[in-house]
Amino acid sequence: MSYDYDNHSKHIILSHSKAIFNSSSFELLGGVDPSELLRNKFEAAYGSRAFACTEDLLNSMHPDVVTIATPSNVRSEIFKIIVNIKSVKIILCEKPISLSLEEGQEILDICHSHNILLFINYMRRADPAIFSIKNLLDFHTTKFAFANCYFTGGLLNNGSHLIDLNSYLFGPIEKITSIQPSSSMQGSSHFICQHKSASISYCELKQEHYSHFTLEIHSDLGMIYYGSEGHDVSHYIPIVDSLYPKYYVLSPTKTEIPNQMTSVLLLVYDDIYKSFCNRYYESPLCTGKEAFATLKAVKIIQSKISSIRE
């Protein structure tokens, strides 16, 4: 809850608490944190009650939507508590959906049995830049070539963001090939995923000197660059080479694609509200089922990497 207690700008929203507090559609009823210091900060910042455990909050209040932003290893038990509160219609959970496929399936099953909509917070799906990219790819490109991804921070934590993003843009993964663990950079690896409409190369880098998160999409439209974790999004169109008129090169001038990554969580809750008002609304947000497919892909890749290294 505490990412941005000390940042009072309404244009920089980094936590769920601040997003809900600034949402025109929701009221922030309360929060849960085992730290008394952080509970006091939460109450001072938002004027809402903070509790030491989930049961205390849910016994005192009747929320329509619950956000779970806890460490992954305790989520299953929290889900079992929340789904028994009749007022809860939607749960937004931080990624990944779980640490294991067994627990992930259990979470899906209990939400389904209680008729609760489950979304997993792969937040980039709510950013206008991604809508613009998807529109370009769906309606304007005629021939797809390839895409390259680079990330640090581990496959489960950060790589899964790219797998989910590409699954949203290009369809689900159909095949995983060419897995190559790197011997020179321990913990790093390279693999290729065949999505429904694209072959995409993923390269994990060792996070030693800096963090990195980029996606380059190459097609007849030129190159779409998604860099700085989504804060730098640009389109480079093909132009005729000035020296060799029969050849095309990428324009040195980029067309910026506007993004709202500094406040994308607010957009996530705008979309949550649309789903709350209309159960048949086709949300771009990642569903529990889609997040489970991403987790399954991650587990397959991790297993193949381990077997190769052995």
C-alpha atoms as a PDB file:
ATOM      1  CA  MET A   1       0.000   0.000   0.000  1.00  0.00           C
ATOM      2  CA  SER A   2       2.967   2.297   0.582  1.00  0.00           C
ATOM      3  CA  TYR A   3       4.695   2.994  -2.745  1.00  0.00           C
ATOM      4  CA  ASP A   4       3.595   6.597  -3.026  1.00  0.00           C
ATOM      5  CA  TYR A   5       2.500   7.881   0.386  1.00  0.00           C
ATOM      6  CA  ASP A   6       4.945  10.765   0.086  1.00  0.00           C
ATOM      7  CA  ASN A   7       4.095  11.646  -3.512  1.00  0.00           C
ATOM      8  CA  HIS A   8       1.028  13.875  -3.592  1.00  0.00           C
ATOM      9  CA  SER A   9       0.818  14.339  -7.361  1.00  0.00           C
ATOM     10  CA  LYS A  10      -2.414  13.070  -8.908  1.00  0.00           C
ATOM     11  CA  HIS A  11      -0.467  12.379 -12.098  1.00  0.00           C
ATOM     12  CA  ILE A  12       1.866   9.840 -10.493  1.00  0.00           C
ATOM     13  CA  ILE A  13      -0.063   6.856  -9.152  1.00  0.00           C
ATOM     14  CA  LEU A  14       2.055   3.844  -8.242  1.00  0.00           C
ATOM     15  CA  SER A  15      -0.050   1.998  -5.671  1.00  0.00           C
ATOM     16  CA  HIS A  16      -3.488   0.421  -5.634  1.00  0.00           C
ATOM     17  CA  SER A  17      -4.456   2.497  -2.609  1.00  0.00           C
ATOM     18  CA  LYS A  18      -3.743   5.787  -4.348  1.00  0.00           C
ATOM     19  CA  ALA A  19      -5.449   4.624  -7.543  1.00  0.00           C
ATOM     20  CA  ILE A  20      -8.662   3.738  -5.712  1.00  0.00           C
ATOM     21  CA  PHE A  21      -8.489   6.915  -3.626  1.00  0.00           C
ATOM     22  CA  ASN A  22      -8.270   9.026  -6.801  1.00  0.00           C
ATOM     23  CA  SER A  23     -10.854   7.022  -8.736  1.00  0.00           C
ATOM     24  CA  SER A  24     -14.151   8.738  -9.496  1.00  0.00           C
ATOM     25  CA  SER A  25     -15.875   5.338  -9.536  1.00  0.00           C
ATOM     26  CA  PHE A  26     -14.768   3.752  -6.264  1.00  0.00           C
ATOM     27  CA  GLU A  27     -14.529   4.594  -2.586  1.00  0.00           C
ATOM     28  CA  LEU A  28     -11.481   3.364  -0.686  1.00  0.00           C
ATOM     29  CA  LEU A  29     -13.063   1.613   2.304  1.00  0.00           C
ATOM     30  CA  GLY A  30      -9.922   0.311   3.959  1.00  0.00           C
ATOM     31  CA  GLY A  31      -6.682  -1.606   3.703  1.00  0.00           C
ATOM     32  CA  VAL A  32      -4.739  -4.391   5.371  1.00  0.00           C
ATOM     33  CA  ASP A  33      -1.087  -4.377   6.404  1.00  0.00           C
ATOM     34  CA  PRO A  34       0.692  -6.295   9.184  1.00  0.00           C
ATOM     35  CA  SER A  35       2.916  -3.268   9.840  1.00  0.00           C
ATOM     36  CA  GLU A  36       1.495  -0.832  12.370  1.00  0.00           C
ATOM     37  CA  LEU A  37       3.703   1.943  10.972  1.00  0.00           C
ATOM     38  CA  LEU A  38       2.308   1.468   7.463  1.00  0.00           C
ATOM     39  CA  ARG A  39      -1.262   1.203   8.763  1.00  0.00           C
ATOM     40  CA  ASN A  40      -0.838   4.569  10.450  1.00  0.00           C
ATOM     41  CA  LYS A  41       0.562   6.079   7.243  1.00  0.00           C
ATOM     42  CA  PHE A  42      -2.329   4.640   5.238  1.00  0.00           C
ATOM     43  CA  GLU A  43      -4.944   6.129   7.563  1.00  0.00           C
ATOM     44  CA  ALA A  44      -3.199   9.519   7.575  1.00  0.00           C
ATOM     45  CA  ALA A  45      -2.896   9.585   3.770  1.00  0.00           C
ATOM     46  CA  TYR A  46      -6.374   8.394   2.814  1.00  0.00           C
ATOM     47  CA  GLY A  47      -8.615   8.858   5.821  1.00  0.00           C
ATOM     48  CA  SER A  48      -9.700   5.213   5.617  1.00  0.00           C
ATOM     49  CA  ARG A  49      -9.299   2.492   8.217  1.00  0.00           C
ATOM     50  CA  ALA A  50      -6.390   0.054   8.114  1.00  0.00           C
ATOM     51  CA  PHE A  51      -6.472  -3.416   9.650  1.00  0.00           C
ATOM     52  CA  ALA A  52      -3.849  -5.924  10.735  1.00  0.00           C
ATOM     53  CA  CYS A  53      -5.552  -8.894   9.058  1.00  0.00           C
ATOM     54  CA  THR A  54      -8.011  -9.574   6.244  1.00  0.00           C
ATOM     55  CA  GLU A  55     -10.681 -11.058   8.496  1.00  0.00           C
ATOM     56  CA  ASP A  56     -10.927  -7.847  10.542  1.00  0.00           C
ATOM     57  CA  LEU A  57     -11.508  -5.712   7.462  1.00  0.00           C
ATOM     58  CA  LEU A  58     -14.094  -8.006   5.905  1.00  0.00           C
ATOM     59  CA  ASN A  59     -15.970  -8.371   9.198  1.00  0.00           C
ATOM     60  CA  SER A  60     -16.261  -4.588   9.423  1.00  0.00           C
ATOM     61  CA  MET A  61     -16.979  -3.693   5.802  1.00  0.00           C
ATOM     62  CA  HIS A  62     -18.796  -5.014   2.745  1.00  0.00           C
ATOM     63  CA  PRO A  63     -16.643  -4.256  -0.320  1.00  0.00           C
ATOM     64  CA  ASP A  64     -17.734  -4.825  -3.912  1.00  0.00           C
ATOM     65  CA  VAL A  65     -14.152  -5.132  -5.162  1.00  0.00           C
ATOM     66  CA  VAL A  66     -11.116  -6.462  -3.304  1.00  0.00           C
ATOM     67  CA  THR A  67      -7.496  -6.010  -4.367  1.00  0.00           C
ATOM     68  CA  ILE A  68      -4.918  -8.590  -3.285  1.00  0.00           C
ATOM     69  CA  ALA A  69      -1.373  -7.209  -3.424  1.00  0.00           C
ATOM     70  CA  THR A  70       0.343  -9.576  -1.025  1.00  0.00           C
ATOM     71  CA  PRO A  71       3.351 -11.862  -1.471  1.00  0.00           C
ATOM     72  CA  SER A  72       2.359 -14.806  -3.673  1.00  0.00           C
ATOM     73  CA  ASN A  73       2.917 -17.452  -1.002  1.00  0.00           C
ATOM     74  CA  VAL A  74      -0.029 -16.296   1.132  1.00  0.00           C
ATOM     75  CA  ARG A  75      -2.618 -15.513  -1.550  1.00  0.00           C
ATOM     76  CA  SER A  76      -4.444 -18.823  -1.596  1.00  0.00           C
ATOM     77  CA  GLU A  77      -5.520 -18.500   2.033  1.00  0.00           C
ATOM     78  CA  ILE A  78      -6.599 -14.888   1.486  1.00  0.00           C
ATOM     79  CA  PHE A  79      -8.716 -15.920  -1.515  1.00  0.00           C
ATOM     80  CA  LYS A  80     -10.491 -18.523   0.636  1.00  0.00           C
ATOM     81  CA  ILE A  81     -11.449 -15.806   3.122  1.00  0.00           C
ATOM     82  CA  ILE A  82     -12.531 -13.195   0.582  1.00  0.00           C
ATOM     83  CA  VAL A  83     -14.757 -15.395  -1.597  1.00  0.00           C
ATOM     84  CA  ASN A  84     -17.039 -16.100   1.342  1.00  0.00           C
ATOM     85  CA  ILE A  85     -18.000 -12.427   1.634  1.00  0.00           C
ATOM     86  CA  LYS A  86     -21.255 -12.155  -0.321  1.00  0.00           C
ATOM     87  CA  SER A  87     -20.739  -8.509  -1.290  1.00  0.00           C
ATOM     88  CA  VAL A  88     -17.538  -9.225  -3.259  1.00  0.00           C
ATOM     89  CA  LYS A  89     -18.122  -9.295  -7.027  1.00  0.00           C
ATOM     90  CA  ILE A  90     -14.590  -8.731  -8.401  1.00  0.00           C
ATOM     91  CA  ILE A  91     -11.078  -9.553  -7.194  1.00  0.00           C
ATOM     92  CA  LEU A  92      -8.019  -7.852  -8.650  1.00  0.00           C
ATOM     93  CA  CYS A  93      -4.865  -9.759  -7.750  1.00  0.00           C
ATOM     94  CA  GLU A  94      -1.239  -8.814  -8.299  1.00  0.00           C
ATOM     95  CA  LYS A  95       0.769 -10.978 -10.671  1.00  0.00           C
ATOM     96  CA  PRO A  96       1.619 -13.786 -10.855  1.00  0.00           C
ATOM     97  CA  ILE A  97      -1.653 -15.546 -10.085  1.00  0.00           C
ATOM     98  CA  SER A  98       0.312 -17.954  -7.872  1.00  0.00           C
ATOM     99  CA  LEU A  99       3.669 -19.675  -7.518  1.00  0.00           C
ATOM    100  CA  SER A 100       2.398 -23.103  -8.559  1.00  0.00           C
ATOM    101  CA  LEU A 101      -0.030 -24.466 -11.134  1.00  0.00           C
ATOM    102  CA  GLU A 102      -1.891 -26.418  -8.458  1.00  0.00           C
ATOM    103  CA  GLU A 103      -2.550 -23.325  -6.364  1.00  0.00           C
ATOM    104  CA  GLY A 104      -3.379 -21.286  -9.463  1.00  0.00           C
ATOM    105  CA  GLN A 105      -6.017 -23.811 -10.496  1.00  0.00           C
ATOM    106  CA  GLU A 106      -7.421 -23.796  -6.964  1.00  0.00           C
ATOM    107  CA  ILE A 107      -7.777 -20.000  -7.098  1.00  0.00           C
ATOM    108  CA  LEU A 108      -9.568 -20.208 -10.447  1.00  0.00           C
ATOM    109  CA  ASP A 109     -11.919 -22.882  -9.121  1.00  0.00           C
ATOM    110  CA  ILE A 110     -12.922 -21.054  -5.938  1.00  0.00           C
ATOM    111  CA  CYS A 111     -13.589 -17.789  -7.815  1.00  0.00           C
ATOM    112  CA  HIS A 112     -15.678 -19.651 -10.396  1.00  0.00           C
ATOM    113  CA  SER A 113     -17.698 -21.485  -7.747  1.00  0.00           C
ATOM    114  CA  HIS A 114     -18.512 -18.186  -6.015  1.00  0.00           C
ATOM    115  CA  ASN A 115     -19.288 -16.356  -9.306  1.00  0.00           C
ATOM    116  CA  ILE A 116     -16.506 -13.810  -8.710  1.00  0.00           C
ATOM    117  CA  LEU A 117     -14.721 -12.120 -11.606  1.00  0.00           C
ATOM    118  CA  LEU A 118     -10.954 -12.475 -11.258  1.00  0.00           C
ATOM    119  CA  PHE A 119      -8.436 -10.161 -12.911  1.00  0.00           C
ATOM    120  CA  ILE A 120      -4.647 -10.318 -12.575  1.00  0.00           C
ATOM    121  CA  ASN A 121      -2.804  -7.012 -12.621  1.00  0.00           C
ATOM    122  CA  TYR A 122      -0.703  -7.172 -15.754  1.00  0.00           C
ATOM    123  CA  MET A 123      -1.385  -3.456 -15.852  1.00  0.00           C
ATOM    124  CA  ARG A 124       0.079  -2.586 -19.270  1.00  0.00           C
ATOM    125  CA  ARG A 125      -3.080  -3.896 -20.916  1.00  0.00           C
ATOM    126  CA  ALA A 126      -4.889  -0.787 -19.644  1.00  0.00           C
ATOM    127  CA  ASP A 127      -2.426   1.694 -21.140  1.00  0.00           C
ATOM    128  CA  PRO A 128      -3.580   3.686 -24.212  1.00  0.00           C
ATOM    129  CA  ALA A 129      -0.219   3.018 -25.898  1.00  0.00           C
ATOM    130  CA  ILE A 130      -1.012  -0.699 -25.965  1.00  0.00           C
ATOM    131  CA  PHE A 131      -4.450   0.024 -27.461  1.00  0.00           C
ATOM    132  CA  SER A 132      -2.724   2.037 -30.200  1.00  0.00           C
ATOM    133  CA  ILE A 133      -0.234  -0.759 -30.894  1.00  0.00           C
ATOM    134  CA  LYS A 134      -2.963  -3.389 -30.976  1.00  0.00           C
ATOM    135  CA  ASN A 135      -5.001  -1.248 -33.372  1.00  0.00           C
ATOM    136  CA  LEU A 136      -2.005  -0.880 -35.701  1.00  0.00           C
ATOM    137  CA  LEU A 137      -1.314  -4.607 -35.662  1.00  0.00           C
ATOM    138  CA  ASP A 138      -4.936  -5.724 -35.992  1.00  0.00           C
ATOM    139  CA  PHE A 139      -6.106  -3.340 -38.697  1.00  0.00           C
ATOM    140  CA  HIS A 140      -3.118  -1.893 -40.543  1.00  0.00           C
ATOM    141  CA  THR A 141      -0.347  -4.455 -40.809  1.00  0.00           C
ATOM    142  CA  THR A 142      -0.457  -7.037 -43.592  1.00  0.00           C
ATOM    143  CA  LYS A 143       2.699  -9.018 -42.949  1.00  0.00           C
ATOM    144  CA  PHE A 144       4.251  -9.769 -39.575  1.00  0.00           C
ATOM    145  CA  ALA A 145       7.951 -10.475 -39.356  1.00  0.00           C
ATOM    146  CA  PHE A 146       9.276 -10.854 -35.810  1.00  0.00           C
ATOM    147  CA  ALA A 147       9.498  -9.346 -32.342  1.00  0.00           C
ATOM    148  CA  ASN A 148      12.322  -9.191 -29.814  1.00  0.00           C
ATOM    149  CA  CYS A 149      11.975  -8.782 -26.042  1.00  0.00           C
ATOM    150  CA  TYR A 150      14.601  -8.032 -23.422  1.00  0.00           C
ATOM    151  CA  PHE A 151      13.995  -8.081 -19.685  1.00  0.00           C
ATOM    152  CA  THR A 152      15.667  -8.259 -16.298  1.00  0.00           C
ATOM    153  CA  GLY A 153      14.193  -9.172 -12.936  1.00  0.00           C
ATOM    154  CA  GLY A 154      13.471 -12.839 -13.580  1.00  0.00           C
ATOM    155  CA  LEU A 155      11.089 -14.794 -15.764  1.00  0.00           C
ATOM    156  CA  LEU A 156       8.237 -15.064 -13.259  1.00  0.00           C
ATOM    157  CA  ASN A 157       8.256 -11.468 -12.042  1.00  0.00           C
ATOM    158  CA  ASN A 158       9.092  -9.475 -15.190  1.00  0.00           C
ATOM    159  CA  GLY A 159       9.266 -11.931 -18.065  1.00  0.00           C
ATOM    160  CA  SER A 160       5.655 -12.926 -17.397  1.00  0.00           C
ATOM    161  CA  HIS A 161       4.657  -9.294 -18.042  1.00  0.00           C
ATOM    162  CA  LEU A 162       6.026  -9.581 -21.583  1.00  0.00           C
ATOM    163  CA  ILE A 163       4.500 -13.020 -22.143  1.00  0.00           C
ATOM    164  CA  ASP A 164       1.102 -11.680 -21.093  1.00  0.00           C
ATOM    165  CA  LEU A 165       1.501  -8.496 -23.143  1.00  0.00           C
ATOM    166  CA  ASN A 166       2.444 -10.427 -26.269  1.00  0.00           C
ATOM    167  CA  SER A 167      -0.380 -12.904 -25.668  1.00  0.00           C
ATOM    168  CA  TYR A 168      -2.760  -9.928 -25.618  1.00  0.00           C
ATOM    169  CA  LEU A 169      -1.276  -8.448 -28.800  1.00  0.00           C
ATOM    170  CA  PHE A 170      -0.611 -11.631 -30.787  1.00  0.00           C
ATOM    171  CA  GLY A 171      -2.695 -14.375 -29.220  1.00  0.00           C
ATOM    172  CA  PRO A 172      -1.796 -17.238 -26.872  1.00  0.00           C
ATOM    173  CA  ILE A 173       1.452 -19.197 -27.013  1.00  0.00           C
ATOM    174  CA  GLU A 174       1.144 -22.273 -29.205  1.00  0.00           C
ATOM    175  CA  LYS A 175       4.724 -23.535 -29.068  1.00  0.00           C
ATOM    176  CA  ILE A 176       7.934 -22.865 -27.112  1.00  0.00           C
ATOM    177  CA  THR A 177      11.180 -23.493 -28.983  1.00  0.00           C
ATOM    178  CA  SER A 178      14.917 -22.800 -29.057  1.00  0.00           C
ATOM    179  CA  ILE A 179      15.546 -22.550 -25.328  1.00  0.00           C
ATOM    180  CA  GLN A 180      19.156 -21.583 -24.653  1.00  0.00           C
ATOM    181  CA  PRO A 181      20.394 -20.987 -21.111  1.00  0.00           C
ATOM    182  CA  SER A 182      23.390 -18.659 -21.073  1.00  0.00           C
ATOM    183  CA  SER A 183      26.581 -20.009 -19.534  1.00  0.00           C
ATOM    184  CA  SER A 184      28.217 -16.581 -19.354  1.00  0.00           C
ATOM    185  CA  MET A 185      25.409 -14.838 -17.472  1.00  0.00           C
ATOM    186  CA  GLN A 186      24.103 -17.060 -14.717  1.00  0.00           C
ATOM    187  CA  GLY A 187      20.336 -16.942 -14.424  1.00  0.00           C
ATOM    188  CA  SER A 188      19.901 -15.600 -17.943  1.00  0.00           C
ATOM    189  CA  SER A 189      18.296 -17.395 -20.856  1.00  0.00           C
ATOM    190  CA  HIS A 190      16.903 -17.029 -24.355  1.00  0.00           C
ATOM    191  CA  PHE A 191      13.793 -18.664 -25.765  1.00  0.00           C
ATOM    192  CA  ILE A 192      11.385 -18.277 -28.656  1.00  0.00           C
ATOM    193  CA  CYS A 193       7.600 -18.493 -28.303  1.00  0.00           C
ATOM    194  CA  GLN A 194       5.300 -19.022 -31.240  1.00  0.00           C
ATOM    195  CA  HIS A 195       2.207 -16.988 -30.433  1.00  0.00           C
ATOM    196  CA  LYS A 196      -0.929 -17.368 -32.529  1.00  0.00           C
ATOM    197  CA  SER A 197       0.127 -14.693 -35.033  1.00  0.00           C
ATOM    198  CA  ALA A 198       3.774 -14.013 -34.233  1.00  0.00           C
ATOM    199  CA  SER A 199       7.111 -15.606 -33.480  1.00  0.00           C
ATOM    200  CA  ILE A 200       8.704 -13.759 -30.583  1.00  0.00           C
ATOM    201  CA  SER A 201      12.217 -13.941 -29.164  1.00  0.00           C
ATOM    202  CA  TYR A 202      12.605 -13.439 -25.411  1.00  0.00           C
ATOM    203  CA  CYS A 203      15.980 -12.682 -23.851  1.00  0.00           C
ATOM    204  CA  GLU A 204      16.440 -12.511 -20.094  1.00  0.00           C
ATOM    205  CA  LEU A 205      19.371 -10.357 -19.003  1.00  0.00           C
ATOM    206  CA  LYS A 206      21.214 -10.486 -15.721  1.00  0.00           C
ATOM    207  CA  GLN A 207      20.132  -7.541 -13.580  1.00  0.00           C
ATOM    208  CA  GLU A 208      23.534  -6.439 -12.360  1.00  0.00           C
ATOM    209  CA  HIS A 209      24.010  -2.824 -13.377  1.00  0.00           C
ATOM    210  CA  TYR A 210      20.523  -1.718 -14.478  1.00  0.00           C
ATOM    211  CA  SER A 211      16.964  -2.908 -15.062  1.00  0.00           C
ATOM    212  CA  HIS A 212      15.633  -3.380 -18.585  1.00  0.00           C
ATOM    213  CA  PHE A 213      12.236  -4.041 -20.187  1.00  0.00           C
ATOM    214  CA  THR A 214      11.801  -3.536 -23.934  1.00  0.00           C
ATOM    215  CA  LEU A 215       9.822  -4.910 -26.863  1.00  0.00           C
ATOM    216  CA  GLU A 216      10.594  -4.333 -30.545  1.00  0.00           C
ATOM    217  CA  ILE A 217       7.949  -5.291 -33.113  1.00  0.00           C
ATOM    218  CA  HIS A 218       8.997  -5.516 -36.768  1.00  0.00           C
ATOM    219  CA  SER A 219       6.479  -5.700 -39.602  1.00  0.00           C
ATOM    220  CA  ASP A 220       5.585  -4.044 -42.900  1.00  0.00           C
ATOM    221  CA  LEU A 221       4.631  -1.031 -40.778  1.00  0.00           C
ATOM    222  CA  GLY A 222       8.269  -0.610 -39.759  1.00  0.00           C
ATOM    223  CA  MET A 223       9.301  -0.942 -36.131  1.00  0.00           C
ATOM    224  CA  ILE A 224       7.252  -0.315 -33.003  1.00  0.00           C
ATOM    225  CA  TYR A 225       9.503   0.297 -30.029  1.00  0.00           C
ATOM    226  CA  TYR A 226       8.212  -0.255 -26.487  1.00  0.00           C
ATOM    227  CA  GLY A 227      10.960   0.802 -24.099  1.00  0.00           C
ATOM    228  CA  SER A 228      11.677   2.033 -20.583  1.00  0.00           C
ATOM    229  CA  GLU A 229       9.017  -0.350 -19.230  1.00  0.00           C
ATOM    230  CA  GLY A 230       6.368   1.361 -21.349  1.00  0.00           C
ATOM    231  CA  HIS A 231       7.338   4.979 -20.715  1.00  0.00           C
ATOM    232  CA  ASP A 232       8.961   5.344 -24.157  1.00  0.00           C
ATOM    233  CA  VAL A 233       6.739   4.064 -26.991  1.00  0.00           C
ATOM    234  CA  SER A 234       7.471   4.993 -30.614  1.00  0.00           C
ATOM    235  CA  HIS A 235       6.770   4.012 -34.214  1.00  0.00           C
ATOM    236  CA  TYR A 236       9.447   4.145 -36.936  1.00  0.00           C
ATOM    237  CA  ILE A 237       7.992   3.886 -40.443  1.00  0.00           C
ATOM    238  CA  PRO A 238       9.841   2.540 -43.527  1.00  0.00           C
ATOM    239  CA  ILE A 239      11.125   5.181 -45.948  1.00  0.00           C
ATOM    240  CA  VAL A 240      13.049   5.040 -49.235  1.00  0.00           C
ATOM    241  CA  ASP A 241      16.815   4.982 -48.689  1.00  0.00           C
ATOM    242  CA  SER A 242      18.374   8.288 -49.815  1.00  0.00           C
ATOM    243  CA  LEU A 243      21.377   6.547 -51.413  1.00  0.00           C
ATOM    244  CA  TYR A 244      19.764   3.370 -52.715  1.00  0.00           C
ATOM    245  CA  PRO A 245      16.230   4.166 -53.978  1.00  0.00           C
ATOM    246  CA  LYS A 246      15.340   0.495 -54.406  1.00  0.00           C
ATOM    247  CA  TYR A 247      15.790  -0.117 -50.670  1.00  0.00           C
ATOM    248  CA  TYR A 248      13.736   0.890 -47.676  1.00  0.00           C
ATOM    249  CA  VAL A 249      15.127   1.828 -44.262  1.00  0.00           C
ATOM    250  CA  LEU A 250      13.584   2.904 -40.994  1.00  0.00           C
ATOM    251  CA  SER A 251      12.948   6.602 -40.708  1.00  0.00           C
ATOM    252  CA  PRO A 252      15.335   8.339 -38.272  1.00  0.00           C
ATOM    253  CA  THR A 253      12.330  10.368 -37.127  1.00  0.00           C
ATOM    254  CA  LYS A 254      10.032   8.589 -34.716  1.00  0.00           C
ATOM    255  CA  THR A 255       6.340   9.059 -34.122  1.00  0.00           C
ATOM    256  CA  GLU A 256       5.689   8.965 -30.401  1.00  0.00           C
ATOM    257  CA  ILE A 257       2.785   6.846 -29.191  1.00  0.00           C
ATOM    258  CA  PRO A 258       1.339   8.492 -26.055  1.00  0.00           C
ATOM    259  CA  ASN A 259       1.288   6.412 -22.886  1.00  0.00           C
ATOM    260  CA  GLN A 260      -0.035   6.878 -19.360  1.00  0.00           C
ATOM    261  CA  MET A 261       2.241   4.517 -17.440  1.00  0.00           C
ATOM    262  CA  THR A 262       2.691   6.942 -14.542  1.00  0.00           C
ATOM    263  CA  SER A 263      -1.021   6.604 -13.756  1.00  0.00           C
ATOM    264  CA  VAL A 264      -1.941   3.345 -15.482  1.00  0.00           C
ATOM    265  CA  LEU A 265      -3.346   1.845 -12.263  1.00  0.00           C
ATOM    266  CA  LEU A 266      -6.070   4.473 -12.326  1.00  0.00           C
ATOM    267  CA  LEU A 267      -7.000   3.218 -15.810  1.00  0.00           C
ATOM    268  CA  VAL A 268      -7.047  -0.351 -14.478  1.00  0.00           C
ATOM    269  CA  TYR A 269      -9.714   0.628 -11.960  1.00  0.00           C
ATOM    270  CA  ASP A 270     -11.681   2.519 -14.598  1.00  0.00           C
ATOM    271  CA  ASP A 271     -11.889  -0.761 -16.471  1.00  0.00           C
ATOM    272  CA  ILE A 272     -12.694  -2.724 -13.320  1.00  0.00           C
ATOM    273  CA  TYR A 273     -15.674  -0.411 -12.860  1.00  0.00           C
ATOM    274  CA  LYS A 274     -16.902  -1.131 -16.392  1.00  0.00           C
ATOM    275  CA  SER A 275     -16.779  -4.849 -15.619  1.00  0.00           C
ATOM    276  CA  PHE A 276     -18.598  -4.249 -12.346  1.00  0.00           C
ATOM    277  CA  CYS A 277     -21.416  -2.403 -14.118  1.00  0.00           C
ATOM    278  CA  ASN A 278     -21.672  -4.903 -16.980  1.00  0.00           C
ATOM    279  CA  ARG A 279     -20.716  -8.560 -16.515  1.00  0.00           C
ATOM    280  CA  TYR A 280     -20.704  -8.973 -20.299  1.00  0.00           C
ATOM    281  CA  TYR A 281     -18.231  -6.145 -20.879  1.00  0.00           C
ATOM    282  CA  GLU A 282     -15.189  -7.470 -22.774  1.00  0.00           C
ATOM    283  CA  SER A 283     -12.393  -6.091 -20.647  1.00  0.00           C
ATOM    284  CA  PRO A 284      -8.833  -5.842 -21.990  1.00  0.00           C
ATOM    285  CA  LEU A 285      -7.551  -6.684 -18.507  1.00  0.00           C
ATOM    286  CA  CYS A 286      -5.909 -10.034 -17.899  1.00  0.00           C
ATOM    287  CA  THR A 287      -8.381 -12.627 -16.623  1.00  0.00           C
ATOM    288  CA  GLY A 288      -7.487 -15.336 -14.149  1.00  0.00           C
ATOM    289  CA  LYS A 289      -7.657 -17.902 -16.934  1.00  0.00           C
ATOM    290  CA  GLU A 290      -5.249 -15.902 -19.117  1.00  0.00           C
ATOM    291  CA  ALA A 291      -2.851 -15.400 -16.197  1.00  0.00           C
ATOM    292  CA  PHE A 292      -2.938 -19.149 -15.525  1.00  0.00           C
ATOM    293  CA  ALA A 293      -1.934 -19.768 -19.162  1.00  0.00           C
ATOM    294  CA  THR A 294       0.992 -17.368 -18.703  1.00  0.00           C
ATOM    295  CA  LEU A 295       2.031 -19.143 -15.492  1.00  0.00           C
ATOM    296  CA  LYS A 296       1.839 -22.479 -17.298  1.00  0.00           C
ATOM    297  CA  ALA A 297       4.146 -21.170 -20.047  1.00  0.00           C
ATOM    298  CA  VAL A 298       6.586 -19.848 -17.446  1.00  0.00           C
ATOM    299  CA  LYS A 299       6.679 -23.226 -15.692  1.00  0.00           C
ATOM    300  CA  ILE A 300       7.332 -25.058 -18.979  1.00  0.00           C
ATOM    301  CA  ILE A 301      10.183 -22.681 -19.848  1.00  0.00           C
ATOM    302  CA  GLN A 302      11.689 -22.940 -16.353  1.00  0.00           C
ATOM    303  CA  SER A 303      11.490 -26.727 -16.461  1.00  0.00           C
ATOM    304  CA  LYS A 304      13.180 -26.921 -19.878  1.00  0.00           C
ATOM    305  CA  ILE A 305      15.932 -24.525 -18.785  1.00  0.00           C
ATOM    306  CA  SER A 306      16.583 -26.611 -15.658  1.00  0.00           C
ATOM    307  CA  SER A 307      16.737 -29.851 -17.619  1.00  0.00           C
ATOM    308  CA  ILE A 308      19.184 -28.371 -20.146  1.00  0.00           C
ATOM    309  CA  ARG A 309      21.471 -27.026 -17.408  1.00  0.00           C
ATOM    310  CA  GLU A 310      21.490 -30.409 -15.667  1.00  0.00           C
END
